Amino acid sequence: MLEPLAEQGDPNAQYLLATADANGTGVTQSWQSAAYGLLRAAKQGAVWAQVGIGALYTGGFGVPRD
């Protein structure tokens, strides 16, 4: 249900799917997929996604540590 919305650019759906990817909720856990979804939502101004992608960069989860 969320995937079509995320593909259409809905930042809330992108954030929720990224969170599921990060936690492995209903999907195989993937830091790379989580980072991709968080970055897409963050670029649209979703504050929680900005915090999340920052945490991934800080820890080097799915992205180079920075």
C-alpha atoms as a PDB file:
ATOM      1  CA  MET A   1       0.000   0.000   0.000  1.00  0.00           C
ATOM      2  CA  LEU A   2       2.833   2.435   0.790  1.00  0.00           C
ATOM      3  CA  GLU A   3       5.044   1.520  -2.155  1.00  0.00           C
ATOM      4  CA  PRO A   4       2.912   3.218  -4.840  1.00  0.00           C
ATOM      5  CA  LEU A   5       2.704   6.369  -2.729  1.00  0.00           C
ATOM      6  CA  ALA A   6       6.459   6.366  -2.147  1.00  0.00           C
ATOM      7  CA  GLU A   7       7.120   5.937  -5.865  1.00  0.00           C
ATOM      8  CA  GLN A   8       4.806   8.879  -6.551  1.00  0.00           C
ATOM      9  CA  GLY A   9       6.980  10.973  -4.238  1.00  0.00           C
ATOM     10  CA  ASP A  10       5.044  10.991  -0.967  1.00  0.00           C
ATOM     11  CA  PRO A  11       7.687  11.762   1.701  1.00  0.00           C
ATOM     12  CA  ASN A  12       5.677  10.197   4.529  1.00  0.00           C
ATOM     13  CA  ALA A  13       5.386   6.908   2.650  1.00  0.00           C
ATOM     14  CA  GLN A  14       9.091   7.064   1.771  1.00  0.00           C
ATOM     15  CA  TYR A  15       9.955   7.600   5.435  1.00  0.00           C
ATOM     16  CA  LEU A  16       7.742   4.743   6.622  1.00  0.00           C
ATOM     17  CA  LEU A  17       9.175   2.320   4.066  1.00  0.00           C
ATOM     18  CA  ALA A  18      12.714   3.394   4.935  1.00  0.00           C
ATOM     19  CA  THR A  19      12.011   2.784   8.609  1.00  0.00           C
ATOM     20  CA  ALA A  20      10.699  -0.690   7.779  1.00  0.00           C
ATOM     21  CA  ASP A  21      13.865  -1.361   5.751  1.00  0.00           C
ATOM     22  CA  ALA A  22      16.084  -0.191   8.605  1.00  0.00           C
ATOM     23  CA  ASN A  23      14.273  -2.320  11.179  1.00  0.00           C
ATOM     24  CA  GLY A  24      13.544  -5.309   8.968  1.00  0.00           C
ATOM     25  CA  THR A  25       9.827  -4.963   9.658  1.00  0.00           C
ATOM     26  CA  GLY A  26       7.999  -7.103   7.105  1.00  0.00           C
ATOM     27  CA  VAL A  27      11.023  -7.010   4.779  1.00  0.00           C
ATOM     28  CA  THR A  28      14.620  -8.149   4.794  1.00  0.00           C
ATOM     29  CA  GLN A  29      16.624  -5.576   6.737  1.00  0.00           C
ATOM     30  CA  SER A  30      18.638  -3.318   4.417  1.00  0.00           C
ATOM     31  CA  TRP A  31      20.573  -0.230   5.462  1.00  0.00           C
ATOM     32  CA  GLN A  32      21.090   0.728   1.820  1.00  0.00           C
ATOM     33  CA  SER A  33      17.363   0.721   1.063  1.00  0.00           C
ATOM     34  CA  ALA A  34      16.694   2.618   4.277  1.00  0.00           C
ATOM     35  CA  ALA A  35      19.248   5.268   3.348  1.00  0.00           C
ATOM     36  CA  TYR A  36      17.761   5.617  -0.148  1.00  0.00           C
ATOM     37  CA  GLY A  37      14.237   6.122   1.169  1.00  0.00           C
ATOM     38  CA  LEU A  38      15.303   8.474   3.949  1.00  0.00           C
ATOM     39  CA  LEU A  39      17.341  10.576   1.558  1.00  0.00           C
ATOM     40  CA  ARG A  40      14.419  10.883  -0.870  1.00  0.00           C
ATOM     41  CA  ALA A  41      12.086  12.007   1.925  1.00  0.00           C
ATOM     42  CA  ALA A  42      14.695  14.278   3.522  1.00  0.00           C
ATOM     43  CA  LYS A  43      15.237  16.127   0.250  1.00  0.00           C
ATOM     44  CA  GLN A  44      11.527  16.981   0.323  1.00  0.00           C
ATOM     45  CA  GLY A  45      11.813  18.505   3.791  1.00  0.00           C
ATOM     46  CA  ALA A  46      10.587  15.612   5.951  1.00  0.00           C
ATOM     47  CA  VAL A  47      12.234  16.462   9.268  1.00  0.00           C
ATOM     48  CA  TRP A  48      12.219  12.925  10.717  1.00  0.00           C
ATOM     49  CA  ALA A  49      13.815  11.653   7.523  1.00  0.00           C
ATOM     50  CA  GLN A  50      16.504  14.314   7.830  1.00  0.00           C
ATOM     51  CA  VAL A  51      17.216  13.164  11.376  1.00  0.00           C
ATOM     52  CA  GLY A  52      17.229   9.527  10.245  1.00  0.00           C
ATOM     53  CA  ILE A  53      19.612  10.008   7.329  1.00  0.00           C
ATOM     54  CA  GLY A  54      21.877  12.019   9.609  1.00  0.00           C
ATOM     55  CA  ALA A  55      21.973   9.111  12.040  1.00  0.00           C
ATOM     56  CA  LEU A  56      22.849   6.692   9.236  1.00  0.00           C
ATOM     57  CA  TYR A  57      25.714   8.930   8.077  1.00  0.00           C
ATOM     58  CA  THR A  58      26.932   9.334  11.663  1.00  0.00           C
ATOM     59  CA  GLY A  59      27.029   5.578  12.189  1.00  0.00           C
ATOM     60  CA  GLY A  60      28.014   4.603   8.658  1.00  0.00           C
ATOM     61  CA  PHE A  61      24.945   2.408   8.199  1.00  0.00           C
ATOM     62  CA  GLY A  62      24.325   1.862   4.491  1.00  0.00           C
ATOM     63  CA  VAL A  63      26.266   5.005   3.594  1.00  0.00           C
ATOM     64  CA  PRO A  64      29.868   6.128   4.105  1.00  0.00           C
ATOM     65  CA  ARG A  65      30.440   7.397   7.610  1.00  0.00           C
ATOM     66  CA  ASP A  66      30.455  11.181   7.593  1.00  0.00           C
END
